[in-house]
Amino acid sequence: MEPDDQTPDREHEAGPARRRRWKRIGAGLLVVAAAGSPYWGRPLLARMAFFRVRRVQIDGARYTSARDILRQLHVDTTVSVWTKLGPLERRVAQLPEVRAAAIRRKLPGTLVVTVTERVPVALVPTPHGLRPYDEHGLALPIDPSQTAVDVPILAHRDTAALRLLGELRQRAPELYQSVSDVRRVGGELDLSLTTFLVRAMADVTVRRLEDLEPVERDLAVRRLPVAELDLRFRDQVIARLK
């Protein structure tokens, strides 16, 4: 029987592979031990080139550009993932589009940045074109010509209406998505929905707007074309047909 020429090679490869495996296990144990010792462990790990930042992963950013986040983060390959994260989070949270930022480590060399953005709830006409605003009445540095912003148009900056739209977006997202235009008329609000107009008092609540759904559903079942639903009268929804 001729000798199997492959057997010695496999035996020869087994030694280095085993050593590499034990090195990885040893490194993992060192990280666990050092990370659990804040007084000496993390400063020791921070000096190791193995833990230099080589990648930044950004989650949750829809309206904020990754370039702006990276510029604000201001880290490069000379920085360790074991650097203090609090100051980095505060830097990112200073961006006007960002409400909060959280950063975690993904060893050995990645920082994961999760941002919670200030979300536009309406577009408001300005001398320079439509400008996105959030529910607190803050203008956001988002260019609708560059980034799709699918929100209602508000005739002018109206903090009460913006607050209402923000609450509507959270509590009744389907209804919010159907609103295309909102304008104040004296002490009333006119909301243009996909297929009809809603008239309400300026202090209308989301709960009151939710009264529209059963009425709209009933009219659809009866195939009655509605032009307007009126919420201005207490505990009533008055339908005006086309």
Protein backbone atom coordinates (compact mmCIF):
# COMPACT_ATOMS: atom_id res chain seq x y z
CA MET A 1 0.00 0.00 0.00
CA GLU A 2 1.36 3.37 -0.96
CA PRO A 3 1.62 5.94 1.83
CA ASP A 4 -1.03 8.70 2.03
CA ASP A 5 0.90 11.86 1.18
CA GLN A 6 -1.83 14.06 2.63
CA THR A 7 -1.71 12.67 6.16
CA PRO A 8 1.58 14.31 7.20
CA ASP A 9 0.36 17.68 5.84
CA ARG A 10 -2.81 17.50 7.93
CA GLU A 11 -0.78 16.63 11.00
CA HIS A 12 1.63 19.45 10.19
CA GLU A 13 -1.27 21.96 9.88
CA ALA A 14 -2.93 20.87 13.09
CA GLY A 15 -0.24 22.44 15.31
CA PRO A 16 -0.44 26.08 14.02
CA ALA A 17 -4.24 25.97 13.81
CA ARG A 18 -4.45 24.77 17.39
CA ARG A 19 -2.06 27.49 18.53
CA ARG A 20 -4.06 30.18 16.75
CA ARG A 21 -7.26 28.92 18.35
CA TRP A 22 -5.73 29.05 21.82
CA LYS A 23 -4.40 32.56 21.13
CA ARG A 24 -7.91 33.73 20.27
CA ILE A 25 -9.31 32.13 23.40
CA GLY A 26 -6.57 33.71 25.48
CA ALA A 27 -7.22 37.14 23.94
CA GLY A 28 -10.93 36.78 24.64
CA LEU A 29 -10.27 35.91 28.29
CA LEU A 30 -7.92 38.89 28.57
CA VAL A 31 -10.58 41.22 27.21
CA VAL A 32 -13.22 39.89 29.62
CA ALA A 33 -10.87 40.22 32.59
CA ALA A 34 -9.58 43.65 31.63
CA ALA A 35 -12.97 45.09 30.70
CA GLY A 36 -14.29 44.02 34.09
CA SER A 37 -11.52 45.94 35.84
CA PRO A 38 -12.21 49.63 35.13
CA TYR A 39 -9.26 50.94 37.14
CA TRP A 40 -6.53 49.22 35.15
CA GLY A 41 -8.15 47.00 32.52
CA ARG A 42 -9.60 49.43 30.02
CA PRO A 43 -6.59 51.78 29.98
CA LEU A 44 -4.47 48.71 29.22
CA LEU A 45 -6.75 47.62 26.37
CA ALA A 46 -6.87 51.17 25.00
CA ARG A 47 -3.12 51.05 24.36
CA MET A 48 -3.42 47.93 22.21
CA ALA A 49 -3.38 48.53 18.42
CA PHE A 50 -5.78 45.57 18.07
CA PHE A 51 -8.58 47.77 19.46
CA ARG A 52 -8.07 50.85 17.28
CA VAL A 53 -11.25 52.14 15.56
CA ARG A 54 -11.33 50.79 12.02
CA ARG A 55 -15.05 51.11 11.29
CA VAL A 56 -18.03 53.22 12.36
CA GLN A 57 -21.52 51.75 11.90
CA ILE A 58 -24.42 54.22 11.88
CA ASP A 59 -27.98 53.12 12.67
CA GLY A 60 -31.22 55.09 12.73
CA ALA A 61 -30.13 57.95 10.47
CA ARG A 62 -32.64 58.76 7.77
CA TYR A 63 -32.37 62.52 7.48
CA THR A 64 -28.89 63.01 8.97
CA SER A 65 -25.99 62.39 6.61
CA ALA A 66 -23.38 59.84 7.64
CA ARG A 67 -20.70 62.35 6.65
CA ASP A 68 -22.02 64.89 9.19
CA ILE A 69 -22.14 62.24 11.92
CA LEU A 70 -18.57 61.11 11.21
CA ARG A 71 -17.35 64.70 11.15
CA GLN A 72 -19.04 65.40 14.48
CA LEU A 73 -17.77 62.14 15.98
CA HIS A 74 -14.21 63.14 15.07
CA VAL A 75 -12.49 59.77 15.52
CA ASP A 76 -9.85 58.09 13.39
CA THR A 77 -7.61 55.01 13.51
CA THR A 78 -5.53 56.54 16.30
CA VAL A 79 -8.55 56.30 18.65
CA SER A 80 -9.31 53.13 20.62
CA VAL A 81 -12.78 51.63 20.88
CA TRP A 82 -12.18 51.75 24.63
CA THR A 83 -12.24 55.53 24.64
CA LYS A 84 -14.98 57.07 26.80
CA LEU A 85 -18.25 56.99 24.86
CA GLY A 86 -20.14 59.72 26.74
CA PRO A 87 -18.26 62.64 25.15
CA LEU A 88 -18.70 61.06 21.70
CA GLU A 89 -22.46 60.68 22.25
CA ARG A 90 -22.74 64.32 23.33
CA ARG A 91 -20.87 65.45 20.21
CA VAL A 92 -23.24 63.61 17.88
CA ALA A 93 -26.29 64.84 19.82
CA GLN A 94 -25.22 68.43 19.08
CA LEU A 95 -26.25 68.00 15.45
CA PRO A 96 -29.53 69.90 14.92
CA GLU A 97 -31.17 66.87 13.26
CA VAL A 98 -30.33 64.57 16.19
CA ARG A 99 -32.38 64.34 19.39
CA ALA A 100 -30.21 61.71 21.09
CA ALA A 101 -27.28 59.44 20.32
CA ALA A 102 -26.09 56.17 21.84
CA ILE A 103 -22.78 54.48 21.04
CA ARG A 104 -21.65 50.94 21.78
CA ARG A 105 -18.54 48.94 21.01
CA LYS A 106 -18.39 46.00 18.64
CA LEU A 107 -15.01 44.41 19.26
CA PRO A 108 -12.37 44.51 18.12
CA GLY A 109 -12.53 47.75 16.12
CA THR A 110 -16.08 49.02 15.47
CA LEU A 111 -18.13 51.78 17.08
CA VAL A 112 -21.89 51.46 16.53
CA VAL A 113 -23.63 54.86 16.59
CA THR A 114 -27.42 54.77 16.99
CA VAL A 115 -29.15 58.10 16.51
CA THR A 116 -32.67 59.18 17.38
CA GLU A 117 -33.57 61.95 14.99
CA ARG A 118 -35.81 64.96 15.26
CA VAL A 119 -38.51 63.87 12.84
CA PRO A 120 -40.24 66.37 10.54
CA VAL A 121 -44.03 66.40 10.91
CA ALA A 122 -44.84 69.17 8.43
CA LEU A 123 -43.43 71.30 5.64
CA VAL A 124 -43.91 75.05 6.06
CA PRO A 125 -43.60 77.55 3.19
CA THR A 126 -40.79 80.11 3.65
CA PRO A 127 -39.26 82.75 1.34
CA HIS A 128 -36.64 80.12 0.49
CA GLY A 129 -39.04 77.28 -0.22
CA LEU A 130 -40.59 74.56 1.90
CA ARG A 131 -38.86 73.96 5.24
CA PRO A 132 -39.36 70.86 7.46
CA TYR A 133 -40.42 71.45 11.09
CA ASP A 134 -40.64 69.03 13.98
CA GLU A 135 -43.46 68.74 16.52
CA HIS A 136 -41.79 71.29 18.84
CA GLY A 137 -41.79 73.99 16.18
CA LEU A 138 -38.08 73.69 15.37
CA ALA A 139 -36.92 74.11 11.79
CA LEU A 140 -34.79 71.17 10.65
CA PRO A 141 -31.77 71.47 8.31
CA ILE A 142 -33.22 69.03 5.79
CA ASP A 143 -33.41 69.90 2.11
CA PRO A 144 -36.65 68.39 0.68
CA SER A 145 -35.16 68.64 -2.80
CA GLN A 146 -32.38 66.26 -1.75
CA THR A 147 -34.19 64.03 0.77
CA ALA A 148 -37.77 62.76 0.41
CA VAL A 149 -39.92 64.25 3.18
CA ASP A 150 -43.42 62.79 2.99
CA VAL A 151 -45.30 64.98 5.49
CA PRO A 152 -48.29 67.36 5.34
CA ILE A 153 -47.92 70.99 4.30
CA LEU A 154 -48.78 73.52 6.99
CA ALA A 155 -49.84 76.94 5.71
CA HIS A 156 -47.56 78.72 8.20
CA ARG A 157 -45.53 77.93 11.29
CA ASP A 158 -48.15 77.08 13.89
CA THR A 159 -46.77 75.47 17.04
CA ALA A 160 -50.17 74.14 18.18
CA ALA A 161 -50.81 72.52 14.78
CA LEU A 162 -47.27 71.09 14.71
CA ARG A 163 -47.80 69.60 18.16
CA LEU A 164 -51.11 68.08 17.00
CA LEU A 165 -49.46 66.57 13.91
CA GLY A 166 -46.65 65.14 16.02
CA GLU A 167 -49.12 63.47 18.36
CA LEU A 168 -51.21 62.27 15.42
CA ARG A 169 -48.12 60.72 13.83
CA GLN A 170 -47.45 58.76 17.01
CA ARG A 171 -50.98 57.69 17.95
CA ALA A 172 -52.80 57.43 14.61
CA PRO A 173 -50.14 56.98 11.90
CA GLU A 174 -52.58 55.88 9.19
CA LEU A 175 -54.71 58.99 9.69
CA TYR A 176 -51.57 61.14 9.77
CA GLN A 177 -50.40 59.66 6.46
CA SER A 178 -53.70 60.65 4.84
CA VAL A 179 -53.32 64.33 5.78
CA SER A 180 -51.94 66.41 2.91
CA ASP A 181 -52.55 69.98 4.02
CA VAL A 182 -53.38 71.84 7.24
CA ARG A 183 -54.39 75.48 7.61
CA ARG A 184 -55.82 77.62 10.41
CA VAL A 185 -58.92 79.63 9.57
CA GLY A 186 -59.68 81.94 12.47
CA GLY A 187 -60.26 79.69 15.47
CA GLU A 188 -60.64 76.58 13.31
CA LEU A 189 -58.43 74.08 11.51
CA ASP A 190 -59.00 72.71 8.05
CA LEU A 191 -57.28 69.40 7.34
CA SER A 192 -57.23 68.17 3.77
CA LEU A 193 -57.23 64.38 3.72
CA THR A 194 -56.74 62.16 0.70
CA THR A 195 -60.39 62.20 -0.38
CA PHE A 196 -62.19 64.81 1.75
CA LEU A 197 -61.84 67.86 3.98
CA VAL A 198 -62.04 67.79 7.78
CA ARG A 199 -63.16 70.90 9.62
CA ALA A 200 -62.39 71.14 13.33
CA MET A 201 -61.83 73.65 16.09
CA ALA A 202 -58.24 74.83 16.58
CA ASP A 203 -57.98 72.96 19.90
CA VAL A 204 -59.04 69.61 18.39
CA THR A 205 -57.40 66.56 19.96
CA VAL A 206 -56.17 63.33 18.43
CA ARG A 207 -58.90 61.46 20.30
CA ARG A 208 -61.51 63.66 18.63
CA LEU A 209 -59.91 63.13 15.19
CA GLU A 210 -60.12 59.38 15.77
CA ASP A 211 -63.92 59.77 15.70
CA LEU A 212 -63.55 60.13 11.94
CA GLU A 213 -62.70 56.48 11.35
CA PRO A 214 -66.06 54.78 12.11
CA VAL A 215 -67.95 57.49 10.21
CA GLU A 216 -65.67 57.21 7.19
CA ARG A 217 -65.96 53.42 7.26
CA ASP A 218 -69.76 53.55 7.42
CA LEU A 219 -69.94 56.00 4.50
CA ALA A 220 -67.62 53.78 2.46
CA VAL A 221 -69.82 50.71 3.10
CA ARG A 222 -72.86 52.68 1.98
CA ARG A 223 -70.91 54.00 -1.01
CA LEU A 224 -71.74 57.60 -0.18
CA PRO A 225 -69.20 60.06 -1.61
CA VAL A 226 -68.16 62.41 1.18
CA ALA A 227 -66.85 65.91 0.53
CA GLU A 228 -66.40 67.06 4.11
CA LEU A 229 -66.54 65.78 7.68
CA ASP A 230 -67.24 68.41 10.31
CA LEU A 231 -66.00 67.96 13.91
CA ARG A 232 -66.81 71.45 15.14
CA PHE A 233 -69.93 70.38 16.99
CA ARG A 234 -69.61 68.60 20.32
CA ASP A 235 -69.95 64.80 20.16
CA GLN A 236 -71.05 64.92 16.53
CA VAL A 237 -69.48 64.17 13.17
CA ILE A 238 -71.44 65.85 10.41
CA ALA A 239 -70.94 64.51 6.91
CA ARG A 240 -71.48 66.65 3.85
CA LEU A 241 -71.75 64.61 0.68
CA LYS A 242 -70.56 65.47 -2.80
